[in-house]
C-alpha atoms as a PDB file:
ATOM      1  CA  MET A   1     -19.404  18.037  -4.212  1.00  0.00           C
ATOM      2  CA  PHE A   2     -16.979  16.615  -1.670  1.00  0.00           C
ATOM      3  CA  GLU A   3     -17.473  13.122  -3.065  1.00  0.00           C
ATOM      4  CA  PHE A   4     -16.220  14.577  -6.354  1.00  0.00           C
ATOM      5  CA  ILE A   5     -13.202  16.088  -4.560  1.00  0.00           C
ATOM      6  CA  THR A   6     -12.513  12.763  -2.847  1.00  0.00           C
ATOM      7  CA  ASP A   7     -12.695  10.915  -6.170  1.00  0.00           C
ATOM      8  CA  TRP A   8     -10.356  13.513  -7.636  1.00  0.00           C
ATOM      9  CA  GLY A   9      -8.014  13.099  -4.672  1.00  0.00           C
ATOM     10  CA  ARG A  10      -8.078   9.327  -5.084  1.00  0.00           C
ATOM     11  CA  ASP A  11      -7.202   9.755  -8.750  1.00  0.00           C
ATOM     12  CA  ILE A  12      -4.337  12.083  -7.782  1.00  0.00           C
ATOM     13  CA  TYR A  13      -3.050   9.599  -5.213  1.00  0.00           C
ATOM     14  CA  GLN A  14      -3.240   6.700  -7.668  1.00  0.00           C
ATOM     15  CA  ALA A  15      -1.537   8.855 -10.266  1.00  0.00           C
ATOM     16  CA  ALA A  16       1.230   9.547  -7.747  1.00  0.00           C
ATOM     17  CA  GLU A  17       1.661   5.819  -7.127  1.00  0.00           C
ATOM     18  CA  ASN A  18       2.130   4.977 -10.806  1.00  0.00           C
ATOM     19  CA  GLY A  19       4.164   8.060 -11.671  1.00  0.00           C
ATOM     20  CA  GLN A  20       1.486   9.854 -13.702  1.00  0.00           C
ATOM     21  CA  LEU A  21       1.156  12.730 -11.230  1.00  0.00           C
ATOM     22  CA  PHE A  22       4.841  13.502 -11.584  1.00  0.00           C
ATOM     23  CA  ILE A  23       4.404  13.621 -15.365  1.00  0.00           C
ATOM     24  CA  PHE A  24       1.312  15.842 -15.074  1.00  0.00           C
ATOM     25  CA  LEU A  25       2.937  18.306 -12.665  1.00  0.00           C
ATOM     26  CA  LEU A  26       6.129  18.338 -14.708  1.00  0.00           C
ATOM     27  CA  SER A  27       4.115  19.074 -17.863  1.00  0.00           C
ATOM     28  CA  ALA A  28       2.181  21.870 -16.131  1.00  0.00           C
ATOM     29  CA  TYR A  29       5.401  23.304 -14.745  1.00  0.00           C
ATOM     30  CA  LEU A  30       7.146  23.270 -18.129  1.00  0.00           C
ATOM     31  CA  ILE A  31       4.134  24.952 -19.739  1.00  0.00           C
ATOM     32  CA  MET A  32       4.282  27.695 -17.083  1.00  0.00           C
ATOM     33  CA  ILE A  33       8.024  28.139 -17.662  1.00  0.00           C
ATOM     34  CA  ALA A  34       7.573  28.329 -21.437  1.00  0.00           C
ATOM     35  CA  SER A  35       4.656  30.765 -21.131  1.00  0.00           C
ATOM     36  CA  GLU A  36       6.620  33.061 -18.841  1.00  0.00           C
ATOM     37  CA  ARG A  37       9.628  32.939 -21.186  1.00  0.00           C
ATOM     38  CA  ILE A  38       7.424  33.945 -24.145  1.00  0.00           C
ATOM     39  CA  LEU A  39       5.976  36.823 -22.132  1.00  0.00           C
ATOM     40  CA  TYR A  40       9.500  38.005 -21.311  1.00  0.00           C
ATOM     41  CA  ILE A  41      10.327  38.047 -25.030  1.00  0.00           C
ATOM     42  CA  TRP A  42       7.287  40.227 -25.591  1.00  0.00           C
ATOM     43  CA  LEU A  43       7.395  42.463 -22.501  1.00  0.00           C
ATOM     44  CA  LYS A  44      10.989  42.497 -21.211  1.00  0.00           C
ATOM     45  CA  PRO A  45      13.248  40.933 -23.864  1.00  0.00           C
ATOM     46  CA  LYS A  46      16.518  41.878 -22.163  1.00  0.00           C
ATOM     47  CA  GLU A  47      15.643  40.894 -18.589  1.00  0.00           C
ATOM     48  CA  TYR A  48      15.638  37.094 -18.752  1.00  0.00           C
ATOM     49  CA  ASN A  49      18.820  35.175 -17.938  1.00  0.00           C
ATOM     50  CA  ASN A  50      18.639  32.072 -20.130  1.00  0.00           C
ATOM     51  CA  LYS A  51      21.780  30.572 -18.656  1.00  0.00           C
ATOM     52  CA  ASP A  52      20.432  30.904 -15.117  1.00  0.00           C
ATOM     53  CA  GLY A  53      17.115  29.422 -16.226  1.00  0.00           C
ATOM     54  CA  LEU A  54      18.820  26.301 -17.585  1.00  0.00           C
ATOM     55  CA  TYR A  55      20.926  26.145 -14.429  1.00  0.00           C
ATOM     56  CA  SER A  56      17.795  26.269 -12.257  1.00  0.00           C
ATOM     57  CA  MET A  57      16.182  23.522 -14.299  1.00  0.00           C
ATOM     58  CA  GLY A  58      19.298  21.402 -13.792  1.00  0.00           C
ATOM     59  CA  VAL A  59      19.064  21.881 -10.020  1.00  0.00           C
ATOM     60  CA  SER A  60      15.357  21.040 -10.101  1.00  0.00           C
ATOM     61  CA  THR A  61      15.946  17.918 -12.200  1.00  0.00           C
ATOM     62  CA  ILE A  62      18.393  16.532  -9.647  1.00  0.00           C
ATOM     63  CA  THR A  63      15.856  17.171  -6.883  1.00  0.00           C
ATOM     64  CA  ALA A  64      12.940  15.692  -8.820  1.00  0.00           C
ATOM     65  CA  LEU A  65      14.833  12.510  -9.665  1.00  0.00           C
ATOM     66  CA  ALA A  66      15.893  12.025  -6.048  1.00  0.00           C
ATOM     67  CA  GLU A  67      12.338  12.534  -4.799  1.00  0.00           C
ATOM     68  CA  ALA A  68      10.740  10.358  -7.474  1.00  0.00           C
ATOM     69  CA  LEU A  69      13.198   7.476  -7.220  1.00  0.00           C
ATOM     70  CA  ILE A  70      14.174   7.406  -3.543  1.00  0.00           C
ATOM     71  CA  PHE A  71      13.046   9.912  -0.965  1.00  0.00           C
ATOM     72  CA  GLY A  72       9.463  10.407  -2.138  1.00  0.00           C
ATOM     73  CA  ALA A  73       8.626   6.751  -1.493  1.00  0.00           C
ATOM     74  CA  LEU A  74      10.291   6.929   1.924  1.00  0.00           C
ATOM     75  CA  TYR A  75       8.328  10.067   2.797  1.00  0.00           C
ATOM     76  CA  VAL A  76       5.048   8.371   1.838  1.00  0.00           C
ATOM     77  CA  ALA A  77       5.954   5.246   3.793  1.00  0.00           C
ATOM     78  CA  ILE A  78       6.672   7.266   6.946  1.00  0.00           C
ATOM     79  CA  TYR A  79       3.470   9.264   6.456  1.00  0.00           C
ATOM     80  CA  ILE A  80       1.345   6.119   6.137  1.00  0.00           C
ATOM     81  CA  PHE A  81       2.994   4.530   9.181  1.00  0.00           C
ATOM     82  CA  VAL A  82       2.319   7.587  11.351  1.00  0.00           C
ATOM     83  CA  TYR A  83      -1.242   7.891  10.041  1.00  0.00           C
ATOM     84  CA  GLU A  84      -2.129   4.234  10.635  1.00  0.00           C
ATOM     85  CA  HIS A  85      -0.533   3.872  14.067  1.00  0.00           C
ATOM     86  CA  PHE A  86      -0.466   7.278  15.748  1.00  0.00           C
ATOM     87  CA  ARG A  87      -3.254   9.498  14.400  1.00  0.00           C
ATOM     88  CA  LEU A  88      -5.310  11.166  17.107  1.00  0.00           C
ATOM     89  CA  PHE A  89      -8.509  11.106  15.055  1.00  0.00           C
ATOM     90  CA  THR A  90      -9.635  10.884  11.434  1.00  0.00           C
ATOM     91  CA  MET A  91     -10.540  13.867   9.288  1.00  0.00           C
ATOM     92  CA  PRO A  92     -13.997  13.205   7.791  1.00  0.00           C
ATOM     93  CA  ASN A  93     -14.951  13.845   4.182  1.00  0.00           C
ATOM     94  CA  ILE A  94     -17.138  16.901   4.836  1.00  0.00           C
ATOM     95  CA  TRP A  95     -16.798  20.559   3.933  1.00  0.00           C
ATOM     96  CA  TRP A  96     -15.422  21.866   7.210  1.00  0.00           C
ATOM     97  CA  ALA A  97     -12.767  19.126   7.300  1.00  0.00           C
ATOM     98  CA  TRP A  98     -11.453  20.133   3.866  1.00  0.00           C
ATOM     99  CA  ILE A  99     -11.250  23.751   4.989  1.00  0.00           C
ATOM    100  CA  ALA A 100      -9.489  22.652   8.175  1.00  0.00           C
ATOM    101  CA  VAL A 101      -6.976  20.579   6.171  1.00  0.00           C
ATOM    102  CA  PHE A 102      -6.237  23.577   3.937  1.00  0.00           C
ATOM    103  CA  PHE A 103      -5.579  25.874   6.896  1.00  0.00           C
ATOM    104  CA  LEU A 104      -3.542  23.190   8.694  1.00  0.00           C
ATOM    105  CA  HIS A 105      -1.421  22.542   5.614  1.00  0.00           C
ATOM    106  CA  ASP A 106      -0.855  26.260   5.046  1.00  0.00           C
ATOM    107  CA  PHE A 107       0.123  26.829   8.673  1.00  0.00           C
ATOM    108  CA  LEU A 108       2.518  23.860   8.670  1.00  0.00           C
ATOM    109  CA  TYR A 109       4.042  25.125   5.432  1.00  0.00           C
ATOM    110  CA  TYR A 110       4.652  28.459   7.165  1.00  0.00           C
ATOM    111  CA  LEU A 111       6.151  26.704  10.204  1.00  0.00           C
ATOM    112  CA  ASP A 112       8.437  24.442   8.168  1.00  0.00           C
ATOM    113  CA  HIS A 113       9.497  27.381   6.019  1.00  0.00           C
ATOM    114  CA  TYR A 114      10.261  29.429   9.134  1.00  0.00           C
ATOM    115  CA  ILE A 115      12.326  26.564  10.569  1.00  0.00           C
ATOM    116  CA  SER A 116      14.176  26.236   7.253  1.00  0.00           C
ATOM    117  CA  HIS A 117      15.343  29.844   7.572  1.00  0.00           C
ATOM    118  CA  ARG A 118      15.900  30.089  11.296  1.00  0.00           C
ATOM    119  CA  VAL A 119      17.614  26.777  12.123  1.00  0.00           C
ATOM    120  CA  GLY A 120      21.120  26.273  10.740  1.00  0.00           C
ATOM    121  CA  PHE A 121      20.751  22.559   9.996  1.00  0.00           C
ATOM    122  CA  PHE A 122      17.595  23.030   7.938  1.00  0.00           C
ATOM    123  CA  TRP A 123      18.884  26.197   6.247  1.00  0.00           C
ATOM    124  CA  ALA A 124      21.713  24.056   4.844  1.00  0.00           C
ATOM    125  CA  PHE A 125      18.994  22.170   2.928  1.00  0.00           C
ATOM    126  CA  HIS A 126      16.852  25.184   1.997  1.00  0.00           C
ATOM    127  CA  HIS A 127      19.858  27.266   0.956  1.00  0.00           C
ATOM    128  CA  VAL A 128      19.706  25.979  -2.624  1.00  0.00           C
ATOM    129  CA  HIS A 129      16.218  27.410  -3.170  1.00  0.00           C
ATOM    130  CA  HIS A 130      17.561  30.938  -2.664  1.00  0.00           C
ATOM    131  CA  SER A 131      20.842  30.427  -4.512  1.00  0.00           C
ATOM    132  CA  SER A 132      19.678  31.840  -7.857  1.00  0.00           C
ATOM    133  CA  ASN A 133      20.239  35.547  -8.427  1.00  0.00           C
ATOM    134  CA  GLU A 134      17.086  35.600 -10.564  1.00  0.00           C
ATOM    135  CA  LEU A 135      13.405  35.036  -9.785  1.00  0.00           C
ATOM    136  CA  ASN A 136      11.155  33.312 -12.289  1.00  0.00           C
ATOM    137  CA  TYR A 137       9.286  30.038 -12.678  1.00  0.00           C
ATOM    138  CA  THR A 138      12.512  28.094 -13.223  1.00  0.00           C
ATOM    139  CA  THR A 139      13.620  28.957  -9.691  1.00  0.00           C
ATOM    140  CA  ALA A 140      10.363  27.807  -8.076  1.00  0.00           C
ATOM    141  CA  ALA A 141      11.316  24.112  -7.938  1.00  0.00           C
ATOM    142  CA  ARG A 142      14.930  24.569  -6.878  1.00  0.00           C
ATOM    143  CA  GLY A 143      15.301  22.332  -3.878  1.00  0.00           C
ATOM    144  CA  PHE A 144      17.701  20.088  -2.010  1.00  0.00           C
ATOM    145  CA  VAL A 145      17.693  16.345  -2.697  1.00  0.00           C
ATOM    146  CA  LEU A 146      16.753  15.678   0.947  1.00  0.00           C
ATOM    147  CA  GLY A 147      14.205  18.480   1.020  1.00  0.00           C
ATOM    148  CA  GLN A 148      11.166  16.283   1.700  1.00  0.00           C
ATOM    149  CA  LEU A 149      12.799  14.869   4.812  1.00  0.00           C
ATOM    150  CA  ALA A 150      13.608  18.377   6.079  1.00  0.00           C
ATOM    151  CA  GLN A 151       9.978  19.235   6.826  1.00  0.00           C
ATOM    152  CA  PRO A 152       9.406  18.135  10.433  1.00  0.00           C
ATOM    153  CA  ALA A 153       6.138  20.005  10.920  1.00  0.00           C
ATOM    154  CA  TYR A 154       4.468  18.201   8.016  1.00  0.00           C
ATOM    155  CA  PHE A 155       4.353  15.007  10.038  1.00  0.00           C
ATOM    156  CA  VAL A 156       1.711  16.692  12.165  1.00  0.00           C
ATOM    157  CA  MET A 157      -0.637  16.077   9.215  1.00  0.00           C
ATOM    158  CA  PRO A 158      -0.929  12.295   9.690  1.00  0.00           C
ATOM    159  CA  LEU A 159      -1.125  12.772  13.461  1.00  0.00           C
ATOM    160  CA  MET A 160      -4.168  14.990  12.876  1.00  0.00           C
ATOM    161  CA  GLY A 161      -5.800  12.290  10.766  1.00  0.00           C
ATOM    162  CA  VAL A 162      -5.230  13.797   7.318  1.00  0.00           C
ATOM    163  CA  ASP A 163      -5.095  10.907   4.877  1.00  0.00           C
ATOM    164  CA  LEU A 164      -2.987  10.901   1.733  1.00  0.00           C
ATOM    165  CA  ILE A 165      -5.960  11.617  -0.529  1.00  0.00           C
ATOM    166  CA  GLN A 166      -6.775  14.835   1.318  1.00  0.00           C
ATOM    167  CA  LEU A 167      -3.083  15.737   1.369  1.00  0.00           C
ATOM    168  CA  ALA A 168      -2.750  15.044  -2.367  1.00  0.00           C
ATOM    169  CA  VAL A 169      -5.631  17.366  -3.297  1.00  0.00           C
ATOM    170  CA  ILE A 170      -4.602  20.255  -1.049  1.00  0.00           C
ATOM    171  CA  ALA A 171      -0.861  20.005  -1.768  1.00  0.00           C
ATOM    172  CA  THR A 172      -1.364  19.832  -5.544  1.00  0.00           C
ATOM    173  CA  ILE A 173      -3.491  22.985  -5.630  1.00  0.00           C
ATOM    174  CA  LYS A 174      -1.211  24.876  -3.238  1.00  0.00           C
ATOM    175  CA  ASN A 175       1.986  23.861  -5.029  1.00  0.00           C
ATOM    176  CA  LEU A 176       0.653  25.233  -8.314  1.00  0.00           C
ATOM    177  CA  TRP A 177      -0.012  28.526  -6.520  1.00  0.00           C
ATOM    178  CA  GLY A 178       3.490  28.328  -5.069  1.00  0.00           C
ATOM    179  CA  ILE A 179       4.923  28.173  -8.584  1.00  0.00           C
ATOM    180  CA  PHE A 180       2.766  31.076  -9.730  1.00  0.00           C
ATOM    181  CA  ASN A 181       4.112  33.444  -7.082  1.00  0.00           C
ATOM    182  CA  HIS A 182       7.726  33.025  -8.310  1.00  0.00           C
ATOM    183  CA  THR A 183       7.538  35.645 -11.046  1.00  0.00           C
ATOM    184  CA  ARG A 184       8.469  39.274 -11.636  1.00  0.00           C
ATOM    185  CA  LEU A 185       5.933  39.775 -14.422  1.00  0.00           C
ATOM    186  CA  VAL A 186       2.877  40.087 -12.187  1.00  0.00           C
ATOM    187  CA  ASN A 187       2.712  43.473 -10.503  1.00  0.00           C
ATOM    188  CA  LYS A 188       1.022  44.213  -7.213  1.00  0.00           C
ATOM    189  CA  MET A 189      -2.515  42.841  -7.011  1.00  0.00           C
ATOM    190  CA  GLY A 190      -4.130  45.412  -4.739  1.00  0.00           C
ATOM    191  CA  PRO A 191      -6.174  44.031  -1.817  1.00  0.00           C
ATOM    192  CA  LEU A 192      -5.124  40.467  -2.700  1.00  0.00           C
ATOM    193  CA  ASP A 193      -1.578  41.336  -1.601  1.00  0.00           C
ATOM    194  CA  GLU A 194      -2.923  41.716   1.934  1.00  0.00           C
ATOM    195  CA  ILE A 195      -4.646  38.330   1.950  1.00  0.00           C
ATOM    196  CA  LEU A 196      -2.716  36.013  -0.357  1.00  0.00           C
ATOM    197  CA  CYS A 197       0.948  35.306  -0.954  1.00  0.00           C
ATOM    198  CA  THR A 198       0.906  36.924  -4.379  1.00  0.00           C
ATOM    199  CA  PRO A 199       4.037  37.318  -6.541  1.00  0.00           C
ATOM    200  CA  SER A 200       4.604  40.732  -4.961  1.00  0.00           C
ATOM    201  CA  VAL A 201       4.482  39.240  -1.469  1.00  0.00           C
ATOM    202  CA  HIS A 202       6.770  36.334  -2.331  1.00  0.00           C
ATOM    203  CA  ARG A 203       9.293  38.486  -4.172  1.00  0.00           C
ATOM    204  CA  VAL A 204      10.024  40.067  -0.802  1.00  0.00           C
ATOM    205  CA  HIS A 205      10.878  36.639   0.601  1.00  0.00           C
ATOM    206  CA  HIS A 206      13.596  36.204  -2.034  1.00  0.00           C
ATOM    207  CA  GLY A 207      15.036  39.667  -1.448  1.00  0.00           C
ATOM    208  CA  THR A 208      18.411  40.277   0.197  1.00  0.00           C
ATOM    209  CA  GLN A 209      17.767  43.804   1.442  1.00  0.00           C
ATOM    210  CA  PRO A 210      17.910  43.849   5.269  1.00  0.00           C
ATOM    211  CA  LYS A 211      14.219  44.678   5.669  1.00  0.00           C
ATOM    212  CA  TYR A 212      13.265  41.780   3.363  1.00  0.00           C
ATOM    213  CA  ILE A 213      15.370  39.079   5.048  1.00  0.00           C
ATOM    214  CA  ASP A 214      13.348  36.398   6.856  1.00  0.00           C
ATOM    215  CA  LYS A 215       9.968  37.776   5.775  1.00  0.00           C
ATOM    216  CA  ASN A 216       6.861  36.371   4.084  1.00  0.00           C
ATOM    217  CA  TYR A 217       7.158  32.636   4.714  1.00  0.00           C
ATOM    218  CA  GLY A 218       3.581  31.776   3.693  1.00  0.00           C
ATOM    219  CA  GLN A 219       2.602  29.756   0.622  1.00  0.00           C
ATOM    220  CA  VAL A 220      -1.010  30.830  -0.010  1.00  0.00           C
ATOM    221  CA  LEU A 221      -2.187  32.990   2.904  1.00  0.00           C
ATOM    222  CA  THR A 222      -0.500  36.013   4.487  1.00  0.00           C
ATOM    223  CA  LEU A 223      -2.433  35.253   7.689  1.00  0.00           C
ATOM    224  CA  TRP A 224       0.449  33.509   9.450  1.00  0.00           C
ATOM    225  CA  ASP A 225       3.050  36.148   8.548  1.00  0.00           C
ATOM    226  CA  LYS A 226       0.779  38.875   9.880  1.00  0.00           C
ATOM    227  CA  MET A 227      -0.052  36.860  12.979  1.00  0.00           C
ATOM    228  CA  PHE A 228       3.600  36.203  13.872  1.00  0.00           C
ATOM    229  CA  GLY A 229       5.117  39.492  12.739  1.00  0.00           C
ATOM    230  CA  THR A 230       7.010  38.309   9.654  1.00  0.00           C
ATOM    231  CA  PHE A 231       4.977  40.156   7.004  1.00  0.00           C
ATOM    232  CA  GLN A 232       6.645  42.778   4.825  1.00  0.00           C
ATOM    233  CA  ARG A 233       5.115  44.607   1.885  1.00  0.00           C
ATOM    234  CA  GLU A 234       7.118  44.998  -1.311  1.00  0.00           C
ATOM    235  CA  GLU A 235       8.561  48.475  -1.579  1.00  0.00           C
ATOM    236  CA  GLU A 236      11.577  48.787  -3.878  1.00  0.00           C
ATOM    237  CA  GLU A 237      12.450  45.930  -6.236  1.00  0.00           C
ATOM    238  CA  PRO A 238      14.187  43.171  -4.270  1.00  0.00           C
ATOM    239  CA  THR A 239      17.720  42.076  -5.026  1.00  0.00           C
ATOM    240  CA  TYR A 240      17.344  38.331  -5.416  1.00  0.00           C
ATOM    241  CA  GLY A 241      19.496  35.472  -4.205  1.00  0.00           C
ATOM    242  CA  LEU A 242      21.790  35.153  -1.215  1.00  0.00           C
ATOM    243  CA  VAL A 243      23.369  38.008   0.722  1.00  0.00           C
ATOM    244  CA  THR A 244      26.690  36.464  -0.285  1.00  0.00           C
ATOM    245  CA  PRO A 245      25.832  35.554  -3.900  1.00  0.00           C
ATOM    246  CA  LEU A 246      26.503  32.043  -5.114  1.00  0.00           C
ATOM    247  CA  ASN A 247      28.064  32.847  -8.467  1.00  0.00           C
ATOM    248  CA  THR A 248      27.899  29.505 -10.213  1.00  0.00           C
ATOM    249  CA  TYR A 249      25.921  27.807 -12.960  1.00  0.00           C
ATOM    250  CA  ASN A 250      26.866  24.322 -11.766  1.00  0.00           C
ATOM    251  CA  PRO A 251      23.773  22.502 -10.414  1.00  0.00           C
ATOM    252  CA  LEU A 252      25.873  20.153  -8.284  1.00  0.00           C
ATOM    253  CA  VAL A 253      27.642  23.066  -6.611  1.00  0.00           C
ATOM    254  CA  ALA A 254      24.258  24.645  -5.821  1.00  0.00           C
ATOM    255  CA  GLN A 255      23.021  21.377  -4.334  1.00  0.00           C
ATOM    256  CA  TYR A 256      25.794  20.946  -1.786  1.00  0.00           C
ATOM    257  CA  SER A 257      26.818  24.580  -1.144  1.00  0.00           C
ATOM    258  CA  GLY A 258      24.499  24.975   1.861  1.00  0.00           C
ATOM    259  CA  VAL A 259      25.732  21.782   3.500  1.00  0.00           C
ATOM    260  CA  LYS A 260      29.320  22.713   2.688  1.00  0.00           C
ATOM    261  CA  GLY A 261      28.846  26.114   4.331  1.00  0.00           C
ATOM    262  CA  LEU A 262      27.398  24.541   7.472  1.00  0.00           C
ATOM    263  CA  ILE A 263      30.326  22.098   7.724  1.00  0.00           C
ATOM    264  CA  GLN A 264      32.790  24.969   7.333  1.00  0.00           C
ATOM    265  CA  LYS A 265      31.089  26.870  10.148  1.00  0.00           C
ATOM    266  CA  ILE A 266      31.151  23.824  12.417  1.00  0.00           C
ATOM    267  CA  ASN A 267      34.836  23.211  11.682  1.00  0.00           C
ATOM    268  CA  SER A 268      35.653  26.868  12.434  1.00  0.00           C
ATOM    269  CA  ALA A 269      34.541  26.488  16.074  1.00  0.00           C
ATOM    270  CA  LYS A 270      36.944  25.046  18.633  1.00  0.00           C
ATOM    271  CA  HIS A 271      34.454  24.054  21.317  1.00  0.00           C
ATOM    272  CA  THR A 272      31.942  21.252  20.906  1.00  0.00           C
ATOM    273  CA  ARG A 273      29.120  23.357  22.322  1.00  0.00           C
ATOM    274  CA  ASP A 274      29.693  25.989  19.639  1.00  0.00           C
ATOM    275  CA  LYS A 275      29.852  23.339  16.930  1.00  0.00           C
ATOM    276  CA  LEU A 276      26.465  22.056  18.073  1.00  0.00           C
ATOM    277  CA  LYS A 277      25.008  25.560  18.207  1.00  0.00           C
ATOM    278  CA  TYR A 278      25.605  25.933  14.479  1.00  0.00           C
ATOM    279  CA  LEU A 279      23.059  23.141  13.979  1.00  0.00           C
ATOM    280  CA  TYR A 280      20.187  24.823  15.800  1.00  0.00           C
ATOM    281  CA  LYS A 281      21.050  28.521  15.892  1.00  0.00           C
ATOM    282  CA  PRO A 282      19.972  30.817  13.011  1.00  0.00           C
ATOM    283  CA  PRO A 283      22.306  30.764   9.977  1.00  0.00           C
ATOM    284  CA  GLY A 284      23.457  34.300  10.808  1.00  0.00           C
ATOM    285  CA  TRP A 285      24.801  33.224  14.211  1.00  0.00           C
ATOM    286  CA  ASP A 286      28.567  32.970  14.742  1.00  0.00           C
ATOM    287  CA  HIS A 287      30.600  31.564  17.617  1.00  0.00           C
ATOM    288  CA  ILE A 288      32.922  34.580  17.870  1.00  0.00           C
ATOM    289  CA  SER A 289      30.262  37.169  18.713  1.00  0.00           C
ATOM    290  CA  GLN A 290      27.824  34.568  20.100  1.00  0.00           C
ATOM    291  CA  SER A 291      25.101  36.557  18.351  1.00  0.00           C
ATOM    292  CA  GLU A 292      23.237  36.785  15.075  1.00  0.00           C
ATOM    293  CA  THR A 293      25.092  38.984  12.604  1.00  0.00           C
ATOM    294  CA  ALA A 294      21.878  39.784  10.730  1.00  0.00           C
ATOM    295  CA  ARG A 295      20.911  42.104  13.592  1.00  0.00           C
ATOM    296  CA  TYR A 296      23.721  44.435  12.519  1.00  0.00           C
ATOM    297  CA  ALA A 297      22.598  44.417   8.886  1.00  0.00           C
ATOM    298  CA  LYS A 298      18.964  45.084   9.811  1.00  0.00           C
ATOM    299  CA  HIS A 299      19.884  48.120  11.875  1.00  0.00           C
ATOM    300  CA  GLY A 300      22.408  49.521   9.409  1.00  0.00           C
ATOM    301  CA  LEU A 301      25.279  49.067  11.847  1.00  0.00           C
ATOM    302  CA  SER A 302      28.814  47.865  11.257  1.00  0.00           C
ATOM    303  CA  ASN A 303      31.197  46.048  13.520  1.00  0.00           C
ATOM    304  CA  ALA A 304      34.819  45.079  13.053  1.00  0.00           C
ATOM    305  CA  THR A 305      34.189  41.595  14.367  1.00  0.00           C
ATOM    306  CA  HIS A 306      31.645  40.903  11.624  1.00  0.00           C
ATOM    307  CA  LYS A 307      33.888  41.027   8.584  1.00  0.00           C
ATOM    308  CA  SER A 308      32.055  38.291   6.747  1.00  0.00           C
ATOM    309  CA  SER A 309      28.683  40.126   6.889  1.00  0.00           C
ATOM    310  CA  THR A 310      27.023  36.751   7.348  1.00  0.00           C
ATOM    311  CA  THR A 311      23.241  36.856   7.575  1.00  0.00           C
ATOM    312  CA  THR A 312      20.462  34.337   7.530  1.00  0.00           C
ATOM    313  CA  HIS A 313      20.785  34.170   3.750  1.00  0.00           C
ATOM    314  CA  THR A 314      24.506  33.447   3.472  1.00  0.00           C
END
């Protein structure tokens, strides 16, 4: 069985090298988008924003081209270098190793996702993923052009001896699940909502209500969110997007808005130490109060010094 998986992984890796994997995943993604759009016509004809969908696809196209033509190759090159020169051991091709790789990948996804929300520098990159005021399959691939290089925890994978074939198999399966959970059409899934990052669970992550902010970072399993106290069940329908909405349909504006916001924050501080803090403090932190404004939102409080109502999703 695992020889079959390895052969499949080798095929995936070779397909990635010659560009066929990109075409396959793009085809699968477009089919999912088209299927969801048809279902909206049938089930909720007035609740799909076509303009936002095209806007999201424009953002995703910019990201995909950057990754395919430039940064993807650099990411692979760094991964191979770390794997060949610094790995601590080699993951074998046996059943327990594949399970271990899955859990490692899912945990590192959680960790990178957490960092992307809780560290100002990385939020500037991840900001674009939350910039749509809608949630559907078109928003799933919204990412920053440097997104692959903003995943520091993933480089633990080659250190732990996970080769690119194992990574290709696990990441492909998990990414398809990650697309699936970006929809409003799938209701709660009962006990699965407690185990897996179902659409209901991930909708919370895209919500701007105070109790939903910085929750549900997982990709496939809810294990890590429950373990580290970031799990939140879906209650009322989330309001999607950013706490301060990005009201634009320009893909280029969406791409650089997070970086632009970070630069504006840095320039607003007079002291160098405060400028540097904006790079590693949570996005809701400000140099005037020297605290995280989101704390006020989460507790329903107001304060005259927090006029901007900046939170971790601004």
